[in-house]
Amino acid sequence: MAKRPLSLQLSVLGLLGLLVLLQGRLWFTDEGWPEVTRLRSSVAEQQAEIEKLQERNARLKAEVNDLKEGFSALEERARSDLGMVGPEESFYLFVPADAAGSSD
């Protein structure tokens, strides 16, 4: 077998040492693989939150379109939120019997 020159052996040992050092940093330090795993789970959580917000935005857009285009949605909103009554309608308020006489 032919003997390799010493400089080639030292170069190979140096490169192997560098490889071990870089792999050690990747697997065993806080900035390495554990950080990648933590960031991936954080991204998954944020994606789930984004999906929820997109669904909410779609519902709000549909409601806005209903309010802009349809009179019935606007009328329903005015009745429920503001207590409005139409011009040909009568408003009746039913008070429970126990609340009618108790003004202590």
PDB file of N, CA and C in Angstrom:
ATOM      1  N   MET A   1       0.821  -1.184   0.000  1.00  0.00           N
ATOM      2  CA  MET A   1       0.000   0.000   0.000  1.00  0.00           C
ATOM      3  C   MET A   1       0.864   1.246   0.000  1.00  0.00           C
ATOM      4  N   ALA A   2       0.430   2.231  -0.723  1.00  0.00           N
ATOM      5  CA  ALA A   2       1.190   3.475  -0.802  1.00  0.00           C
ATOM      6  C   ALA A   2       0.830   4.347   0.389  1.00  0.00           C
ATOM      7  N   LYS A   3       1.847   4.949   0.912  1.00  0.00           N
ATOM      8  CA  LYS A   3       1.658   5.822   2.064  1.00  0.00           C
ATOM      9  C   LYS A   3       1.239   7.211   1.610  1.00  0.00           C
ATOM     10  N   ARG A   4       0.217   7.751   2.279  1.00  0.00           N
ATOM     11  CA  ARG A   4      -0.260   9.094   1.933  1.00  0.00           C
ATOM     12  C   ARG A   4       0.658  10.129   2.563  1.00  0.00           C
ATOM     13  N   PRO A   5       0.770  11.277   1.925  1.00  0.00           N
ATOM     14  CA  PRO A   5       1.598  12.339   2.499  1.00  0.00           C
ATOM     15  C   PRO A   5       0.959  12.865   3.793  1.00  0.00           C
ATOM     16  N   LEU A   6       1.782  13.342   4.684  1.00  0.00           N
ATOM     17  CA  LEU A   6       1.343  13.848   5.988  1.00  0.00           C
ATOM     18  C   LEU A   6       0.382  15.035   5.841  1.00  0.00           C
ATOM     19  N   SER A   7       0.606  15.899   4.886  1.00  0.00           N
ATOM     20  CA  SER A   7      -0.260  17.069   4.705  1.00  0.00           C
ATOM     21  C   SER A   7      -1.668  16.635   4.304  1.00  0.00           C
ATOM     22  N   LEU A   8      -1.795  15.571   3.492  1.00  0.00           N
ATOM     23  CA  LEU A   8      -3.105  15.070   3.111  1.00  0.00           C
ATOM     24  C   LEU A   8      -3.808  14.467   4.319  1.00  0.00           C
ATOM     25  N   GLN A   9      -3.087  13.757   5.132  1.00  0.00           N
ATOM     26  CA  GLN A   9      -3.666  13.165   6.338  1.00  0.00           C
ATOM     27  C   GLN A   9      -4.145  14.255   7.309  1.00  0.00           C
ATOM     28  N   LEU A  10      -3.340  15.264   7.480  1.00  0.00           N
ATOM     29  CA  LEU A  10      -3.730  16.366   8.355  1.00  0.00           C
ATOM     30  C   LEU A  10      -4.946  17.106   7.805  1.00  0.00           C
ATOM     31  N   SER A  11      -5.011  17.283   6.499  1.00  0.00           N
ATOM     32  CA  SER A  11      -6.167  17.951   5.885  1.00  0.00           C
ATOM     33  C   SER A  11      -7.442  17.143   6.107  1.00  0.00           C
ATOM     34  N   VAL A  12      -7.345  15.830   5.907  1.00  0.00           N
ATOM     35  CA  VAL A  12      -8.511  14.970   6.103  1.00  0.00           C
ATOM     36  C   VAL A  12      -8.935  15.001   7.566  1.00  0.00           C
ATOM     37  N   LEU A  13      -7.969  14.922   8.506  1.00  0.00           N
ATOM     38  CA  LEU A  13      -8.295  14.988   9.931  1.00  0.00           C
ATOM     39  C   LEU A  13      -8.906  16.338  10.301  1.00  0.00           C
ATOM     40  N   GLY A  14      -8.393  17.409   9.722  1.00  0.00           N
ATOM     41  CA  GLY A  14      -8.944  18.744   9.978  1.00  0.00           C
ATOM     42  C   GLY A  14     -10.385  18.864   9.483  1.00  0.00           C
ATOM     43  N   LEU A  15     -10.645  18.346   8.289  1.00  0.00           N
ATOM     44  CA  LEU A  15     -11.997  18.389   7.746  1.00  0.00           C
ATOM     45  C   LEU A  15     -12.954  17.519   8.561  1.00  0.00           C
ATOM     46  N   LEU A  16     -12.493  16.358   8.997  1.00  0.00           N
ATOM     47  CA  LEU A  16     -13.328  15.508   9.845  1.00  0.00           C
ATOM     48  C   LEU A  16     -13.625  16.189  11.186  1.00  0.00           C
ATOM     49  N   GLY A  17     -12.615  16.847  11.756  1.00  0.00           N
ATOM     50  CA  GLY A  17     -12.824  17.580  13.008  1.00  0.00           C
ATOM     51  C   GLY A  17     -13.829  18.704  12.828  1.00  0.00           C
ATOM     52  N   LEU A  18     -13.724  19.420  11.729  1.00  0.00           N
ATOM     53  CA  LEU A  18     -14.668  20.496  11.429  1.00  0.00           C
ATOM     54  C   LEU A  18     -16.084  19.941  11.241  1.00  0.00           C
ATOM     55  N   LEU A  19     -16.192  18.811  10.571  1.00  0.00           N
ATOM     56  CA  LEU A  19     -17.495  18.178  10.385  1.00  0.00           C
ATOM     57  C   LEU A  19     -18.111  17.774  11.721  1.00  0.00           C
ATOM     58  N   VAL A  20     -17.295  17.191  12.608  1.00  0.00           N
ATOM     59  CA  VAL A  20     -17.791  16.801  13.935  1.00  0.00           C
ATOM     60  C   VAL A  20     -18.218  18.031  14.723  1.00  0.00           C
ATOM     61  N   LEU A  21     -17.450  19.097  14.662  1.00  0.00           N
ATOM     62  CA  LEU A  21     -17.783  20.329  15.372  1.00  0.00           C
ATOM     63  C   LEU A  21     -19.099  20.912  14.873  1.00  0.00           C
ATOM     64  N   LEU A  22     -19.266  20.991  13.561  1.00  0.00           N
ATOM     65  CA  LEU A  22     -20.499  21.557  13.003  1.00  0.00           C
ATOM     66  C   LEU A  22     -21.706  20.668  13.292  1.00  0.00           C
ATOM     67  N   GLN A  23     -21.542  19.369  13.217  1.00  0.00           N
ATOM     68  CA  GLN A  23     -22.637  18.459  13.535  1.00  0.00           C
ATOM     69  C   GLN A  23     -23.001  18.555  15.021  1.00  0.00           C
ATOM     70  N   GLY A  24     -22.007  18.709  15.870  1.00  0.00           N
ATOM     71  CA  GLY A  24     -22.271  18.865  17.302  1.00  0.00           C
ATOM     72  C   GLY A  24     -23.077  20.115  17.580  1.00  0.00           C
ATOM     73  N   ARG A  25     -22.732  21.207  16.909  1.00  0.00           N
ATOM     74  CA  ARG A  25     -23.506  22.448  17.063  1.00  0.00           C
ATOM     75  C   ARG A  25     -24.930  22.265  16.569  1.00  0.00           C
ATOM     76  N   LEU A  26     -25.079  21.509  15.475  1.00  0.00           N
ATOM     77  CA  LEU A  26     -26.404  21.304  14.915  1.00  0.00           C
ATOM     78  C   LEU A  26     -27.286  20.489  15.851  1.00  0.00           C
ATOM     79  N   TRP A  27     -26.769  19.457  16.445  1.00  0.00           N
ATOM     80  CA  TRP A  27     -27.586  18.539  17.219  1.00  0.00           C
ATOM     81  C   TRP A  27     -27.673  18.873  18.704  1.00  0.00           C
ATOM     82  N   PHE A  28     -26.664  19.506  19.276  1.00  0.00           N
ATOM     83  CA  PHE A  28     -26.610  19.599  20.730  1.00  0.00           C
ATOM     84  C   PHE A  28     -26.650  21.011  21.306  1.00  0.00           C
ATOM     85  N   THR A  29     -26.711  22.042  20.489  1.00  0.00           N
ATOM     86  CA  THR A  29     -26.803  23.397  21.043  1.00  0.00           C
ATOM     87  C   THR A  29     -28.225  23.922  20.898  1.00  0.00           C
ATOM     88  N   ASP A  30     -28.529  25.005  21.598  1.00  0.00           N
ATOM     89  CA  ASP A  30     -29.872  25.587  21.564  1.00  0.00           C
ATOM     90  C   ASP A  30     -30.204  26.232  20.218  1.00  0.00           C
ATOM     91  N   GLU A  31     -29.194  26.597  19.454  1.00  0.00           N
ATOM     92  CA  GLU A  31     -29.436  27.218  18.147  1.00  0.00           C
ATOM     93  C   GLU A  31     -29.568  26.188  17.042  1.00  0.00           C
ATOM     94  N   GLY A  32     -29.400  24.928  17.323  1.00  0.00           N
ATOM     95  CA  GLY A  32     -29.405  23.889  16.297  1.00  0.00           C
ATOM     96  C   GLY A  32     -30.770  23.271  16.067  1.00  0.00           C
ATOM     97  N   TRP A  33     -30.780  21.954  16.024  1.00  0.00           N
ATOM     98  CA  TRP A  33     -31.988  21.215  15.705  1.00  0.00           C
ATOM     99  C   TRP A  33     -33.151  21.482  16.668  1.00  0.00           C
ATOM    100  N   PRO A  34     -32.923  21.593  17.987  1.00  0.00           N
ATOM    101  CA  PRO A  34     -34.042  21.926  18.877  1.00  0.00           C
ATOM    102  C   PRO A  34     -34.731  23.250  18.504  1.00  0.00           C
ATOM    103  N   GLU A  35     -33.970  24.211  18.062  1.00  0.00           N
ATOM    104  CA  GLU A  35     -34.545  25.499  17.644  1.00  0.00           C
ATOM    105  C   GLU A  35     -35.378  25.322  16.379  1.00  0.00           C
ATOM    106  N   VAL A  36     -34.903  24.500  15.455  1.00  0.00           N
ATOM    107  CA  VAL A  36     -35.663  24.230  14.228  1.00  0.00           C
ATOM    108  C   VAL A  36     -37.005  23.587  14.576  1.00  0.00           C
ATOM    109  N   THR A  37     -36.979  22.622  15.489  1.00  0.00           N
ATOM    110  CA  THR A  37     -38.208  21.950  15.910  1.00  0.00           C
ATOM    111  C   THR A  37     -39.163  22.929  16.578  1.00  0.00           C
ATOM    112  N   ARG A  38     -38.642  23.786  17.442  1.00  0.00           N
ATOM    113  CA  ARG A  38     -39.474  24.777  18.114  1.00  0.00           C
ATOM    114  C   ARG A  38     -40.089  25.741  17.102  1.00  0.00           C
ATOM    115  N   LEU A  39     -39.309  26.190  16.144  1.00  0.00           N
ATOM    116  CA  LEU A  39     -39.813  27.119  15.132  1.00  0.00           C
ATOM    117  C   LEU A  39     -40.874  26.465  14.256  1.00  0.00           C
ATOM    118  N   ARG A  40     -40.702  25.192  13.929  1.00  0.00           N
ATOM    119  CA  ARG A  40     -41.703  24.493  13.117  1.00  0.00           C
ATOM    120  C   ARG A  40     -43.035  24.401  13.862  1.00  0.00           C
ATOM    121  N   SER A  41     -42.985  24.099  15.155  1.00  0.00           N
ATOM    122  CA  SER A  41     -44.242  24.021  15.909  1.00  0.00           C
ATOM    123  C   SER A  41     -44.873  25.407  16.032  1.00  0.00           C
ATOM    124  N   SER A  42     -44.058  26.435  16.167  1.00  0.00           N
ATOM    125  CA  SER A  42     -44.573  27.801  16.224  1.00  0.00           C
ATOM    126  C   SER A  42     -45.249  28.176  14.905  1.00  0.00           C
ATOM    127  N   VAL A  43     -44.653  27.790  13.803  1.00  0.00           N
ATOM    128  CA  VAL A  43     -45.247  28.071  12.490  1.00  0.00           C
ATOM    129  C   VAL A  43     -46.580  27.344  12.350  1.00  0.00           C
ATOM    130  N   ALA A  44     -46.659  26.104  12.822  1.00  0.00           N
ATOM    131  CA  ALA A  44     -47.914  25.347  12.747  1.00  0.00           C
ATOM    132  C   ALA A  44     -49.007  26.028  13.572  1.00  0.00           C
ATOM    133  N   GLU A  45     -48.668  26.512  14.762  1.00  0.00           N
ATOM    134  CA  GLU A  45     -49.640  27.225  15.598  1.00  0.00           C
ATOM    135  C   GLU A  45     -50.120  28.499  14.908  1.00  0.00           C
ATOM    136  N   GLN A  46     -49.192  29.228  14.314  1.00  0.00           N
ATOM    137  CA  GLN A  46     -49.554  30.466  13.635  1.00  0.00           C
ATOM    138  C   GLN A  46     -50.422  30.192  12.408  1.00  0.00           C
ATOM    139  N   GLN A  47     -50.152  29.088  11.694  1.00  0.00           N
ATOM    140  CA  GLN A  47     -50.974  28.733  10.540  1.00  0.00           C
ATOM    141  C   GLN A  47     -52.406  28.442  10.980  1.00  0.00           C
ATOM    142  N   ALA A  48     -52.566  27.737  12.112  1.00  0.00           N
ATOM    143  CA  ALA A  48     -53.907  27.441  12.623  1.00  0.00           C
ATOM    144  C   ALA A  48     -54.628  28.735  12.990  1.00  0.00           C
ATOM    145  N   GLU A  49     -53.919  29.656  13.617  1.00  0.00           N
ATOM    146  CA  GLU A  49     -54.511  30.949  13.984  1.00  0.00           C
ATOM    147  C   GLU A  49     -54.905  31.741  12.736  1.00  0.00           C
ATOM    148  N   ILE A  50     -54.065  31.694  11.714  1.00  0.00           N
ATOM    149  CA  ILE A  50     -54.359  32.401  10.458  1.00  0.00           C
ATOM    150  C   ILE A  50     -55.614  31.826   9.815  1.00  0.00           C
ATOM    151  N   GLU A  51     -55.765  30.502   9.840  1.00  0.00           N
ATOM    152  CA  GLU A  51     -56.963  29.887   9.256  1.00  0.00           C
ATOM    153  C   GLU A  51     -58.224  30.333   9.992  1.00  0.00           C
ATOM    154  N   LYS A  52     -58.152  30.397  11.333  1.00  0.00           N
ATOM    155  CA  LYS A  52     -59.306  30.867  12.101  1.00  0.00           C
ATOM    156  C   LYS A  52     -59.655  32.308  11.722  1.00  0.00           C
ATOM    157  N   LEU A  53     -58.625  33.146  11.619  1.00  0.00           N
ATOM    158  CA  LEU A  53     -58.862  34.553  11.286  1.00  0.00           C
ATOM    159  C   LEU A  53     -59.394  34.714   9.863  1.00  0.00           C
ATOM    160  N   GLN A  54     -58.935  33.864   8.937  1.00  0.00           N
ATOM    161  CA  GLN A  54     -59.446  33.945   7.573  1.00  0.00           C
ATOM    162  C   GLN A  54     -60.923  33.557   7.522  1.00  0.00           C
ATOM    163  N   GLU A  55     -61.313  32.544   8.300  1.00  0.00           N
ATOM    164  CA  GLU A  55     -62.730  32.169   8.359  1.00  0.00           C
ATOM    165  C   GLU A  55     -63.564  33.311   8.941  1.00  0.00           C
ATOM    166  N   ARG A  56     -63.044  33.935   9.997  1.00  0.00           N
ATOM    167  CA  ARG A  56     -63.749  35.067  10.609  1.00  0.00           C
ATOM    168  C   ARG A  56     -63.889  36.218   9.622  1.00  0.00           C
ATOM    169  N   ASN A  57     -62.811  36.508   8.892  1.00  0.00           N
ATOM    170  CA  ASN A  57     -62.860  37.585   7.896  1.00  0.00           C
ATOM    171  C   ASN A  57     -63.876  37.280   6.801  1.00  0.00           C
ATOM    172  N   ALA A  58     -63.956  36.022   6.394  1.00  0.00           N
ATOM    173  CA  ALA A  58     -64.928  35.652   5.355  1.00  0.00           C
ATOM    174  C   ALA A  58     -66.350  35.866   5.861  1.00  0.00           C
ATOM    175  N   ARG A  59     -66.609  35.494   7.130  1.00  0.00           N
ATOM    176  CA  ARG A  59     -67.942  35.726   7.691  1.00  0.00           C
ATOM    177  C   ARG A  59     -68.254  37.217   7.759  1.00  0.00           C
ATOM    178  N   LEU A  60     -67.272  38.021   8.190  1.00  0.00           N
ATOM    179  CA  LEU A  60     -67.493  39.471   8.274  1.00  0.00           C
ATOM    180  C   LEU A  60     -67.710  40.091   6.896  1.00  0.00           C
ATOM    181  N   LYS A  61     -66.967  39.618   5.891  1.00  0.00           N
ATOM    182  CA  LYS A  61     -67.170  40.135   4.531  1.00  0.00           C
ATOM    183  C   LYS A  61     -68.567  39.819   4.033  1.00  0.00           C
ATOM    184  N   ALA A  62     -69.026  38.604   4.326  1.00  0.00           N
ATOM    185  CA  ALA A  62     -70.383  38.226   3.905  1.00  0.00           C
ATOM    186  C   ALA A  62     -71.411  39.104   4.606  1.00  0.00           C
ATOM    187  N   GLU A  63     -71.203  39.388   5.875  1.00  0.00           N
ATOM    188  CA  GLU A  63     -72.134  40.244   6.609  1.00  0.00           C
ATOM    189  C   GLU A  63     -72.123  41.664   6.061  1.00  0.00           C
ATOM    190  N   VAL A  64     -70.943  42.168   5.739  1.00  0.00           N
ATOM    191  CA  VAL A  64     -70.839  43.520   5.168  1.00  0.00           C
ATOM    192  C   VAL A  64     -71.561  43.575   3.823  1.00  0.00           C
ATOM    193  N   ASN A  65     -71.364  42.540   2.997  1.00  0.00           N
ATOM    194  CA  ASN A  65     -72.064  42.517   1.698  1.00  0.00           C
ATOM    195  C   ASN A  65     -73.569  42.469   1.888  1.00  0.00           C
ATOM    196  N   ASP A  66     -74.037  41.687   2.866  1.00  0.00           N
ATOM    197  CA  ASP A  66     -75.467  41.647   3.141  1.00  0.00           C
ATOM    198  C   ASP A  66     -75.985  43.019   3.549  1.00  0.00           C
ATOM    199  N   LEU A  67     -75.238  43.705   4.393  1.00  0.00           N
ATOM    200  CA  LEU A  67     -75.669  45.027   4.854  1.00  0.00           C
ATOM    201  C   LEU A  67     -75.635  46.051   3.730  1.00  0.00           C
ATOM    202  N   LYS A  68     -74.673  45.924   2.820  1.00  0.00           N
ATOM    203  CA  LYS A  68     -74.576  46.879   1.716  1.00  0.00           C
ATOM    204  C   LYS A  68     -75.665  46.647   0.679  1.00  0.00           C
ATOM    205  N   GLU A  69     -75.954  45.390   0.385  1.00  0.00           N
ATOM    206  CA  GLU A  69     -76.828  45.087  -0.742  1.00  0.00           C
ATOM    207  C   GLU A  69     -78.267  44.768  -0.352  1.00  0.00           C
ATOM    208  N   GLY A  70     -78.467  44.191   0.810  1.00  0.00           N
ATOM    209  CA  GLY A  70     -79.811  43.744   1.140  1.00  0.00           C
ATOM    210  C   GLY A  70     -80.445  44.573   2.236  1.00  0.00           C
ATOM    211  N   PHE A  71     -81.674  45.016   1.979  1.00  0.00           N
ATOM    212  CA  PHE A  71     -82.388  45.817   2.966  1.00  0.00           C
ATOM    213  C   PHE A  71     -82.838  44.965   4.141  1.00  0.00           C
ATOM    214  N   SER A  72     -83.134  43.696   3.908  1.00  0.00           N
ATOM    215  CA  SER A  72     -83.637  42.839   4.986  1.00  0.00           C
ATOM    216  C   SER A  72     -82.577  42.629   6.068  1.00  0.00           C
ATOM    217  N   ALA A  73     -81.318  42.478   5.668  1.00  0.00           N
ATOM    218  CA  ALA A  73     -80.252  42.314   6.668  1.00  0.00           C
ATOM    219  C   ALA A  73     -80.082  43.594   7.479  1.00  0.00           C
ATOM    220  N   LEU A  74     -80.163  44.722   6.809  1.00  0.00           N
ATOM    221  CA  LEU A  74     -80.050  46.008   7.495  1.00  0.00           C
ATOM    222  C   LEU A  74     -81.213  46.210   8.459  1.00  0.00           C
ATOM    223  N   GLU A  75     -82.414  45.849   8.021  1.00  0.00           N
ATOM    224  CA  GLU A  75     -83.590  45.983   8.866  1.00  0.00           C
ATOM    225  C   GLU A  75     -83.490  45.060  10.081  1.00  0.00           C
ATOM    226  N   GLU A  76     -83.045  43.841   9.858  1.00  0.00           N
ATOM    227  CA  GLU A  76     -82.895  42.899  10.972  1.00  0.00           C
ATOM    228  C   GLU A  76     -81.882  43.421  11.992  1.00  0.00           C
ATOM    229  N   ARG A  77     -80.783  43.986  11.507  1.00  0.00           N
ATOM    230  CA  ARG A  77     -79.757  44.536  12.399  1.00  0.00           C
ATOM    231  C   ARG A  77     -80.308  45.709  13.197  1.00  0.00           C
ATOM    232  N   ALA A  78     -81.084  46.578  12.562  1.00  0.00           N
ATOM    233  CA  ALA A  78     -81.659  47.740  13.245  1.00  0.00           C
ATOM    234  C   ALA A  78     -82.665  47.298  14.302  1.00  0.00           C
ATOM    235  N   ARG A  79     -83.442  46.280  14.002  1.00  0.00           N
ATOM    236  CA  ARG A  79     -84.418  45.787  14.972  1.00  0.00           C
ATOM    237  C   ARG A  79     -83.735  45.164  16.185  1.00  0.00           C
ATOM    238  N   SER A  80     -82.752  44.298  15.946  1.00  0.00           N
ATOM    239  CA  SER A  80     -82.136  43.585  17.065  1.00  0.00           C
ATOM    240  C   SER A  80     -81.192  44.472  17.877  1.00  0.00           C
ATOM    241  N   ASP A  81     -80.406  45.289  17.212  1.00  0.00           N
ATOM    242  CA  ASP A  81     -79.399  46.085  17.930  1.00  0.00           C
ATOM    243  C   ASP A  81     -79.954  47.413  18.457  1.00  0.00           C
ATOM    244  N   LEU A  82     -80.827  48.043  17.686  1.00  0.00           N
ATOM    245  CA  LEU A  82     -81.283  49.383  18.040  1.00  0.00           C
ATOM    246  C   LEU A  82     -82.732  49.430  18.516  1.00  0.00           C
ATOM    247  N   GLY A  83     -83.456  48.308  18.419  1.00  0.00           N
ATOM    248  CA  GLY A  83     -84.842  48.273  18.871  1.00  0.00           C
ATOM    249  C   GLY A  83     -85.782  49.085  18.001  1.00  0.00           C
ATOM    250  N   MET A  84     -85.489  49.206  16.730  1.00  0.00           N
ATOM    251  CA  MET A  84     -86.327  50.021  15.851  1.00  0.00           C
ATOM    252  C   MET A  84     -87.617  49.281  15.494  1.00  0.00           C
ATOM    253  N   VAL A  85     -88.659  50.057  15.243  1.00  0.00           N
ATOM    254  CA  VAL A  85     -89.983  49.540  14.888  1.00  0.00           C
ATOM    255  C   VAL A  85     -90.399  50.193  13.571  1.00  0.00           C
ATOM    256  N   GLY A  86     -91.043  49.395  12.699  1.00  0.00           N
ATOM    257  CA  GLY A  86     -91.495  49.906  11.409  1.00  0.00           C
ATOM    258  C   GLY A  86     -92.649  50.881  11.569  1.00  0.00           C
ATOM    259  N   PRO A  87     -92.967  51.670  10.540  1.00  0.00           N
ATOM    260  CA  PRO A  87     -94.014  52.698  10.633  1.00  0.00           C
ATOM    261  C   PRO A  87     -95.411  52.119  10.834  1.00  0.00           C
ATOM    262  N   GLU A  88     -95.726  50.965  10.344  1.00  0.00           N
ATOM    263  CA  GLU A  88     -97.054  50.376  10.478  1.00  0.00           C
ATOM    264  C   GLU A  88     -97.087  49.317  11.581  1.00  0.00           C
ATOM    265  N   GLU A  89     -96.129  49.332  12.485  1.00  0.00           N
ATOM    266  CA  GLU A  89     -96.032  48.300  13.515  1.00  0.00           C
ATOM    267  C   GLU A  89     -96.292  48.901  14.891  1.00  0.00           C
ATOM    268  N   SER A  90     -96.708  48.051  15.820  1.00  0.00           N
ATOM    269  CA  SER A  90     -96.896  48.467  17.211  1.00  0.00           C
ATOM    270  C   SER A  90     -95.892  47.719  18.074  1.00  0.00           C
ATOM    271  N   PHE A  91     -95.397  48.391  19.082  1.00  0.00           N
ATOM    272  CA  PHE A  91     -94.414  47.787  19.971  1.00  0.00           C
ATOM    273  C   PHE A  91     -95.084  47.465  21.299  1.00  0.00           C
ATOM    274  N   TYR A  92     -94.957  46.233  21.737  1.00  0.00           N
ATOM    275  CA  TYR A  92     -95.515  45.807  23.019  1.00  0.00           C
ATOM    276  C   TYR A  92     -94.382  45.292  23.876  1.00  0.00           C
ATOM    277  N   LEU A  93     -94.355  45.696  25.125  1.00  0.00           N
ATOM    278  CA  LEU A  93     -93.356  45.235  26.079  1.00  0.00           C
ATOM    279  C   LEU A  93     -94.064  44.453  27.165  1.00  0.00           C
ATOM    280  N   PHE A  94     -93.737  43.197  27.292  1.00  0.00           N
ATOM    281  CA  PHE A  94     -94.335  42.329  28.307  1.00  0.00           C
ATOM    282  C   PHE A  94     -93.398  42.286  29.505  1.00  0.00           C
ATOM    283  N   VAL A  95     -93.920  42.705  30.642  1.00  0.00           N
ATOM    284  CA  VAL A  95     -93.142  42.723  31.879  1.00  0.00           C
ATOM    285  C   VAL A  95     -93.595  41.545  32.747  1.00  0.00           C
ATOM    286  N   PRO A  96     -92.691  40.727  33.256  1.00  0.00           N
ATOM    287  CA  PRO A  96     -93.077  39.622  34.123  1.00  0.00           C
ATOM    288  C   PRO A  96     -93.813  40.129  35.352  1.00  0.00           C
ATOM    289  N   ALA A  97     -94.756  39.318  35.876  1.00  0.00           N
ATOM    290  CA  ALA A  97     -95.602  39.726  37.002  1.00  0.00           C
ATOM    291  C   ALA A  97     -94.801  40.018  38.243  1.00  0.00           C
ATOM    292  N   ASP A  98     -93.761  39.268  38.525  1.00  0.00           N
ATOM    293  CA  ASP A  98     -92.968  39.510  39.737  1.00  0.00           C
ATOM    294  C   ASP A  98     -92.141  40.793  39.628  1.00  0.00           C
ATOM    295  N   ALA A  99     -91.799  41.245  38.443  1.00  0.00           N
ATOM    296  CA  ALA A  99     -91.034  42.482  38.287  1.00  0.00           C
ATOM    297  C   ALA A  99     -91.922  43.712  38.264  1.00  0.00           C
ATOM    298  N   ALA A 100     -93.219  43.535  38.002  1.00  0.00           N
ATOM    299  CA  ALA A 100     -94.132  44.678  37.888  1.00  0.00           C
ATOM    300  C   ALA A 100     -94.400  45.337  39.226  1.00  0.00           C
ATOM    301  N   GLY A 101     -94.546  44.559  40.308  1.00  0.00           N
ATOM    302  CA  GLY A 101     -94.929  45.137  41.587  1.00  0.00           C
ATOM    303  C   GLY A 101     -93.769  45.317  42.553  1.00  0.00           C
ATOM    304  N   SER A 102     -92.582  44.950  42.174  1.00  0.00           N
ATOM    305  CA  SER A 102     -91.461  45.024  43.130  1.00  0.00           C
ATOM    306  C   SER A 102     -90.610  46.256  42.866  1.00  0.00           C
ATOM    307  N   SER A 103     -91.024  47.368  43.408  1.00  0.00           N
ATOM    308  CA  SER A 103     -90.207  48.591  43.335  1.00  0.00           C
ATOM    309  C   SER A 103     -89.850  48.986  44.756  1.00  0.00           C
ATOM    310  N   ASP A 104     -88.939  48.221  45.360  1.00  0.00           N
ATOM    311  CA  ASP A 104     -88.547  48.444  46.760  1.00  0.00           C
ATOM    312  C   ASP A 104     -87.637  49.612  46.922  1.00  0.00           C
TER     313      ASP A 104
END
